[in-house]
Amino acid sequence: MIHEDIGDFAAALPPMQALIGLDLGEKTIGVAVSDNFLSVATPLETVRRRKFTLDAARLLEIIAARRIGGLILGLPRNMDGSEGPRCQSTRAFARNLERLHELPISFWDERLSTVAAERALLEADTTRKRRAEVIDHVAAGYILQGVLDRLAVLRREEESR
C-alpha cells in the first residue's frame, strides 16, 4: 500500500524488518538498505534500468533476500516544492511495484540528495570514474537515512506520550 504520510507508513511497517530506499533515475536505480533496527542506511547497488519487469524483478530479489519490510522512493520535487514529470514517473513506478508486492511504500523528498552524495564522495577523494559508478546508490543512502532519522523522531515522540 502507498502511504503519502510518513507517520502512516511507520505504522504499517512490520517489526524488526529492514527498509529499502530507491533513487530512481532515467538510466539507473540507486538502491540502499537499512538494518533491522531502522537506524543506519547502507548504499547497496545501482541497477541499470531496462524494462520495468526486469527492474522490478531485481528489486524483488533484493527485497526477498534481505527481508525488507517497507520501501521508500525518492520523490524528485522541483526546487519550489512542486511536482513535475519526474515525480509523476516515480509515482507511476510505485503504483506498478504495489501491484507486485504487498510492501508498504512511501516517498521522501530527494531534493539535493545527489548533490550531498557528490559532495561526500568528493570529500572522500573518490575518483571521477568511481563517483559515476556509486553516486546513485550513495544518493539512495542519503534518501533512506533521511527517512530513518524521521522515523526515530516519530518513535521518540510516541514513547514520550
Protein backbone atom coordinates (compact mmCIF):
# COMPACT_ATOMS: atom_id res chain seq x y z
CA MET A 1 0.00 0.00 0.00
CA ILE A 2 1.22 3.51 -0.82
CA HIS A 3 1.32 5.93 2.12
CA GLU A 4 1.70 9.65 1.44
CA ASP A 5 2.23 10.40 5.14
CA ILE A 6 5.43 9.07 6.70
CA GLY A 7 3.60 8.54 10.02
CA ASP A 8 1.08 6.26 8.33
CA PHE A 9 3.96 4.47 6.62
CA ALA A 10 5.68 3.96 10.00
CA ALA A 11 2.50 2.49 11.48
CA ALA A 12 2.25 -0.01 8.60
CA LEU A 13 5.80 -1.34 8.99
CA PRO A 14 6.30 -4.84 10.41
CA PRO A 15 8.66 -5.02 13.41
CA MET A 16 12.35 -5.87 13.01
CA GLN A 17 12.46 -5.71 9.22
CA ALA A 18 14.70 -3.50 7.13
CA LEU A 19 13.72 -0.82 4.64
CA ILE A 20 14.86 -0.38 1.07
CA GLY A 21 15.39 3.08 -0.40
CA LEU A 22 15.41 3.82 -4.11
CA ASP A 23 16.77 6.76 -6.07
CA LEU A 24 15.02 6.43 -9.45
CA GLY A 25 16.87 7.90 -12.37
CA GLU A 26 16.16 7.68 -16.06
CA LYS A 27 19.01 5.22 -16.65
CA THR A 28 19.67 3.74 -13.21
CA ILE A 29 18.07 2.94 -9.86
CA GLY A 30 20.20 3.57 -6.80
CA VAL A 31 19.44 1.05 -4.04
CA ALA A 32 20.16 1.36 -0.32
CA VAL A 33 19.02 -0.81 2.59
CA SER A 34 18.69 -0.27 6.32
CA ASP A 35 19.45 -2.53 9.22
CA ASN A 36 16.57 -4.28 11.03
CA PHE A 37 16.63 -1.66 13.80
CA LEU A 38 15.94 1.10 11.24
CA SER A 39 18.90 3.16 12.33
CA VAL A 40 21.53 3.05 9.54
CA ALA A 41 21.17 3.22 5.76
CA THR A 42 23.79 1.46 3.66
CA PRO A 43 24.20 2.04 -0.08
CA LEU A 44 23.88 -1.34 -1.80
CA GLU A 45 23.98 -1.25 -5.57
CA THR A 46 22.97 0.55 -8.73
CA VAL A 47 20.53 -1.25 -11.02
CA ARG A 48 20.87 -0.36 -14.69
CA ARG A 49 17.33 0.36 -15.94
CA ARG A 50 15.99 -1.71 -18.81
CA LYS A 51 12.30 -2.61 -18.73
CA PHE A 52 10.05 -2.28 -15.69
CA THR A 53 9.60 -6.04 -15.42
CA LEU A 54 13.36 -6.64 -15.34
CA ASP A 55 14.00 -3.74 -12.95
CA ALA A 56 11.21 -4.90 -10.63
CA ALA A 57 12.47 -8.50 -10.73
CA ARG A 58 15.88 -7.38 -9.45
CA LEU A 59 14.31 -5.22 -6.74
CA LEU A 60 12.05 -8.08 -5.64
CA GLU A 61 15.13 -10.35 -5.40
CA ILE A 62 16.75 -7.84 -3.03
CA ILE A 63 13.52 -7.46 -1.04
CA ALA A 64 13.23 -11.23 -0.57
CA ALA A 65 16.93 -11.79 0.22
CA ARG A 66 17.08 -9.04 2.84
CA ARG A 67 13.65 -9.46 4.48
CA ILE A 68 12.60 -5.94 3.58
CA GLY A 69 9.51 -4.61 5.38
CA GLY A 70 8.98 -1.30 3.56
CA LEU A 71 10.05 0.66 0.52
CA ILE A 72 10.96 4.33 0.18
CA LEU A 73 11.17 6.09 -3.16
CA GLY A 74 12.97 9.39 -3.50
CA LEU A 75 10.46 11.92 -4.85
CA PRO A 76 12.25 14.37 -7.17
CA ARG A 77 10.31 17.55 -6.44
CA ASN A 78 11.21 20.81 -8.14
CA MET A 79 13.16 23.29 -6.03
CA ASP A 80 9.94 25.26 -5.42
CA GLY A 81 8.31 22.10 -3.99
CA SER A 82 6.05 21.47 -6.96
CA GLU A 83 5.83 18.13 -8.71
CA GLY A 84 6.84 17.76 -12.34
CA PRO A 85 7.05 14.90 -14.83
CA ARG A 86 9.79 13.08 -12.87
CA CYS A 87 7.53 12.95 -9.80
CA GLN A 88 4.71 11.57 -11.93
CA SER A 89 7.08 8.91 -13.26
CA THR A 90 8.18 7.99 -9.72
CA ARG A 91 4.57 7.71 -8.54
CA ALA A 92 3.73 5.50 -11.53
CA PHE A 93 6.72 3.27 -10.70
CA ALA A 94 5.40 2.97 -7.11
CA ARG A 95 1.91 2.04 -8.34
CA ASN A 96 3.39 -0.62 -10.61
CA LEU A 97 5.51 -2.04 -7.76
CA GLU A 98 2.47 -2.03 -5.48
CA ARG A 99 0.78 -4.48 -7.86
CA LEU A 100 3.67 -6.92 -7.47
CA HIS A 101 4.21 -6.87 -3.71
CA GLU A 102 2.25 -6.08 -0.52
CA LEU A 103 5.05 -3.90 0.89
CA PRO A 104 4.21 -0.53 2.49
CA ILE A 105 5.55 2.17 0.14
CA SER A 106 6.18 5.84 0.82
CA PHE A 107 8.05 8.78 -0.67
CA TRP A 108 10.77 11.07 0.62
CA ASP A 109 11.74 14.45 -0.79
CA GLU A 110 15.03 13.81 -2.55
CA ARG A 111 15.93 17.39 -3.45
CA LEU A 112 19.70 17.80 -3.32
CA SER A 113 20.37 14.19 -2.28
CA THR A 114 22.61 13.68 -5.32
CA VAL A 115 24.41 16.94 -4.54
CA ALA A 116 25.01 15.77 -0.95
CA ALA A 117 26.21 12.37 -2.19
CA GLU A 118 28.54 14.01 -4.71
CA ARG A 119 29.95 16.29 -2.03
CA ALA A 120 30.58 13.36 0.33
CA LEU A 121 32.31 11.39 -2.43
CA LEU A 122 34.48 14.40 -3.32
CA GLU A 123 35.44 14.83 0.34
CA ALA A 124 36.40 11.15 0.39
CA ASP A 125 38.69 11.87 -2.59
CA THR A 126 36.82 9.41 -4.80
CA THR A 127 37.91 9.31 -8.43
CA ARG A 128 35.58 10.65 -11.11
CA LYS A 129 35.14 7.14 -12.52
CA ARG A 130 34.28 5.64 -9.13
CA ARG A 131 31.88 8.52 -8.33
CA ALA A 132 29.99 7.79 -11.55
CA GLU A 133 29.70 4.13 -10.52
CA VAL A 134 28.40 4.73 -6.99
CA ILE A 135 26.63 8.11 -7.00
CA ASP A 136 23.13 6.67 -7.44
CA HIS A 137 23.23 4.18 -4.59
CA VAL A 138 25.02 6.69 -2.34
CA ALA A 139 22.16 9.14 -3.08
CA ALA A 140 19.67 6.36 -2.25
CA GLY A 141 21.51 6.01 1.07
CA TYR A 142 21.00 9.72 1.79
CA ILE A 143 17.30 9.44 0.97
CA LEU A 144 16.84 6.37 3.15
CA GLN A 145 18.84 7.85 6.04
CA GLY A 146 16.54 10.89 5.99
CA VAL A 147 13.56 8.57 6.43
CA LEU A 148 15.27 6.58 9.19
CA ASP A 149 16.07 9.78 11.08
CA ARG A 150 12.44 10.91 10.76
CA LEU A 151 11.18 7.52 11.95
CA ALA A 152 13.46 7.78 15.00
CA VAL A 153 11.92 11.17 15.86
CA LEU A 154 8.42 9.72 15.47
CA ARG A 155 9.33 6.80 17.77
CA ARG A 156 10.70 9.17 20.43
CA GLU A 157 7.55 11.31 20.24
CA GLU A 158 5.38 8.20 20.59
CA GLU A 159 7.36 6.96 23.60
CA SER A 160 7.12 10.32 25.39
CA ARG A 161 3.30 10.31 25.26
